[in-house]
Amino acid sequence: PLFRSTFARLVTHFWSNAAFRGPTELLDRVAAISHLPAAFLHGRHDISSPLAIPWQLHRNWPGSTLTVVDAGHGTGMDAEVRAAVDAMPDQRG
């Protein structure tokens, strides 16, 4: 109960303050990190996070991938998460 209460408080605090970011701040600054590999996974049944957000990031992030999974918010995506991580290039030099 303590963890759940703390987690809920943090999540609602960040959501109510737009994660302390401007409405287009991430998109406006994506060029600074666009050289990094990125894999976006989105559960199409996720009612708390619209597909428009990862779609916009994917469109502005060269070399990124976007996979829409028949799942909810992070549930039922284990195979897709493993596949996305396995497909990432080895950045260890």
C-alpha atoms as a PDB file:
ATOM      1  CA  PRO A   1       0.000   0.000   0.000  1.00  0.00           C
ATOM      2  CA  LEU A   2       2.809   2.479   0.750  1.00  0.00           C
ATOM      3  CA  PHE A   3       4.477   1.869  -2.615  1.00  0.00           C
ATOM      4  CA  ARG A   4       1.188   2.169  -4.511  1.00  0.00           C
ATOM      5  CA  SER A   5       0.261   5.363  -2.696  1.00  0.00           C
ATOM      6  CA  THR A   6       3.683   6.903  -3.314  1.00  0.00           C
ATOM      7  CA  PHE A   7       3.708   5.832  -6.959  1.00  0.00           C
ATOM      8  CA  ALA A   8       0.211   7.213  -7.561  1.00  0.00           C
ATOM      9  CA  ARG A   9       1.156  10.505  -5.944  1.00  0.00           C
ATOM     10  CA  LEU A  10       4.269  10.872  -8.106  1.00  0.00           C
ATOM     11  CA  VAL A  11       2.485   9.925 -11.316  1.00  0.00           C
ATOM     12  CA  THR A  12      -0.407  12.310 -10.753  1.00  0.00           C
ATOM     13  CA  HIS A  13       2.002  15.095  -9.758  1.00  0.00           C
ATOM     14  CA  PHE A  14       4.019  14.700 -12.969  1.00  0.00           C
ATOM     15  CA  TRP A  15       0.899  14.337 -15.151  1.00  0.00           C
ATOM     16  CA  SER A  16      -0.765  17.393 -13.640  1.00  0.00           C
ATOM     17  CA  ASN A  17       2.398  19.411 -14.373  1.00  0.00           C
ATOM     18  CA  ALA A  18       2.969  18.017 -17.905  1.00  0.00           C
ATOM     19  CA  ALA A  19       6.201  16.378 -16.675  1.00  0.00           C
ATOM     20  CA  PHE A  20       7.566  19.903 -16.205  1.00  0.00           C
ATOM     21  CA  ARG A  21       8.065  20.238 -19.954  1.00  0.00           C
ATOM     22  CA  GLY A  22       6.616  22.570 -22.529  1.00  0.00           C
ATOM     23  CA  PRO A  23       3.976  21.119 -24.860  1.00  0.00           C
ATOM     24  CA  THR A  24       6.418  20.626 -27.761  1.00  0.00           C
ATOM     25  CA  GLU A  25       9.743  20.589 -25.911  1.00  0.00           C
ATOM     26  CA  LEU A  26      10.649  16.998 -26.717  1.00  0.00           C
ATOM     27  CA  LEU A  27       9.741  17.317 -30.391  1.00  0.00           C
ATOM     28  CA  ASP A  28      11.543  20.656 -30.623  1.00  0.00           C
ATOM     29  CA  ARG A  29      14.737  19.115 -29.243  1.00  0.00           C
ATOM     30  CA  VAL A  30      14.652  15.606 -30.736  1.00  0.00           C
ATOM     31  CA  ALA A  31      17.452  16.517 -33.182  1.00  0.00           C
ATOM     32  CA  ALA A  32      19.887  16.546 -30.256  1.00  0.00           C
ATOM     33  CA  ILE A  33      19.334  12.828 -29.659  1.00  0.00           C
ATOM     34  CA  SER A  34      18.228  11.655 -33.096  1.00  0.00           C
ATOM     35  CA  HIS A  35      21.596   9.973 -33.702  1.00  0.00           C
ATOM     36  CA  LEU A  36      20.706   7.415 -31.020  1.00  0.00           C
ATOM     37  CA  PRO A  37      18.760   4.276 -31.888  1.00  0.00           C
ATOM     38  CA  ALA A  38      15.157   4.310 -30.713  1.00  0.00           C
ATOM     39  CA  ALA A  39      12.355   1.778 -30.624  1.00  0.00           C
ATOM     40  CA  PHE A  40       8.891   2.951 -29.688  1.00  0.00           C
ATOM     41  CA  LEU A  41       6.328   0.385 -28.546  1.00  0.00           C
ATOM     42  CA  HIS A  42       2.736   1.394 -28.069  1.00  0.00           C
ATOM     43  CA  GLY A  43      -0.191  -0.644 -26.814  1.00  0.00           C
ATOM     44  CA  ARG A  44      -3.118   0.170 -29.053  1.00  0.00           C
ATOM     45  CA  HIS A  45      -5.523  -0.332 -26.131  1.00  0.00           C
ATOM     46  CA  ASP A  46      -3.611   2.135 -23.931  1.00  0.00           C
ATOM     47  CA  ILE A  47      -6.188   4.741 -22.965  1.00  0.00           C
ATOM     48  CA  SER A  48      -3.722   6.826 -20.955  1.00  0.00           C
ATOM     49  CA  SER A  49      -1.256   7.536 -23.754  1.00  0.00           C
ATOM     50  CA  PRO A  50      -2.460   8.376 -27.257  1.00  0.00           C
ATOM     51  CA  LEU A  51      -0.678   6.910 -30.282  1.00  0.00           C
ATOM     52  CA  ALA A  52      -0.141  10.443 -31.627  1.00  0.00           C
ATOM     53  CA  ILE A  53       2.742  11.004 -29.215  1.00  0.00           C
ATOM     54  CA  PRO A  54       5.032   8.113 -30.239  1.00  0.00           C
ATOM     55  CA  TRP A  55       3.910   8.618 -33.869  1.00  0.00           C
ATOM     56  CA  GLN A  56       5.124  12.236 -33.850  1.00  0.00           C
ATOM     57  CA  LEU A  57       8.414  11.243 -32.201  1.00  0.00           C
ATOM     58  CA  HIS A  58       8.944   8.413 -34.675  1.00  0.00           C
ATOM     59  CA  ARG A  59       8.292  10.716 -37.650  1.00  0.00           C
ATOM     60  CA  ASN A  60      10.886  13.187 -36.347  1.00  0.00           C
ATOM     61  CA  TRP A  61      13.497  10.628 -35.231  1.00  0.00           C
ATOM     62  CA  PRO A  62      15.388   9.193 -38.220  1.00  0.00           C
ATOM     63  CA  GLY A  63      16.127   5.520 -37.861  1.00  0.00           C
ATOM     64  CA  SER A  64      13.570   4.938 -35.108  1.00  0.00           C
ATOM     65  CA  THR A  65      11.002   2.172 -35.230  1.00  0.00           C
ATOM     66  CA  LEU A  66       7.418   2.240 -34.029  1.00  0.00           C
ATOM     67  CA  THR A  67       5.566  -0.953 -33.217  1.00  0.00           C
ATOM     68  CA  VAL A  68       1.903  -0.862 -32.257  1.00  0.00           C
ATOM     69  CA  VAL A  69       1.012  -3.890 -30.184  1.00  0.00           C
ATOM     70  CA  ASP A  70      -2.443  -5.363 -29.531  1.00  0.00           C
ATOM     71  CA  ALA A  71      -2.041  -4.671 -25.803  1.00  0.00           C
ATOM     72  CA  GLY A  72      -2.680  -2.104 -23.098  1.00  0.00           C
ATOM     73  CA  HIS A  73      -0.305   0.155 -21.198  1.00  0.00           C
ATOM     74  CA  GLY A  74       2.806  -2.000 -20.971  1.00  0.00           C
ATOM     75  CA  THR A  75       0.949  -5.261 -20.460  1.00  0.00           C
ATOM     76  CA  GLY A  76       1.193  -8.104 -22.936  1.00  0.00           C
ATOM     77  CA  MET A  77       4.233  -6.665 -24.702  1.00  0.00           C
ATOM     78  CA  ASP A  78       7.008  -8.895 -23.363  1.00  0.00           C
ATOM     79  CA  ALA A  79       7.883 -10.487 -26.711  1.00  0.00           C
ATOM     80  CA  GLU A  80       7.874  -7.137 -28.499  1.00  0.00           C
ATOM     81  CA  VAL A  81      10.065  -5.516 -25.832  1.00  0.00           C
ATOM     82  CA  ARG A  82      12.586  -8.364 -26.101  1.00  0.00           C
ATOM     83  CA  ALA A  83      12.582  -8.113 -29.905  1.00  0.00           C
ATOM     84  CA  ALA A  84      13.091  -4.341 -29.791  1.00  0.00           C
ATOM     85  CA  VAL A  85      16.006  -4.639 -27.370  1.00  0.00           C
ATOM     86  CA  ASP A  86      17.577  -7.470 -29.343  1.00  0.00           C
ATOM     87  CA  ALA A  87      17.339  -5.374 -32.541  1.00  0.00           C
ATOM     88  CA  MET A  88      19.227  -2.446 -31.005  1.00  0.00           C
ATOM     89  CA  PRO A  89      22.767  -2.008 -32.307  1.00  0.00           C
ATOM     90  CA  ASP A  90      25.559  -2.741 -29.858  1.00  0.00           C
ATOM     91  CA  GLN A  91      26.731   0.661 -28.624  1.00  0.00           C
ATOM     92  CA  ARG A  92      29.526  -0.614 -26.366  1.00  0.00           C
ATOM     93  CA  GLY A  93      32.155   0.356 -28.893  1.00  0.00           C
END
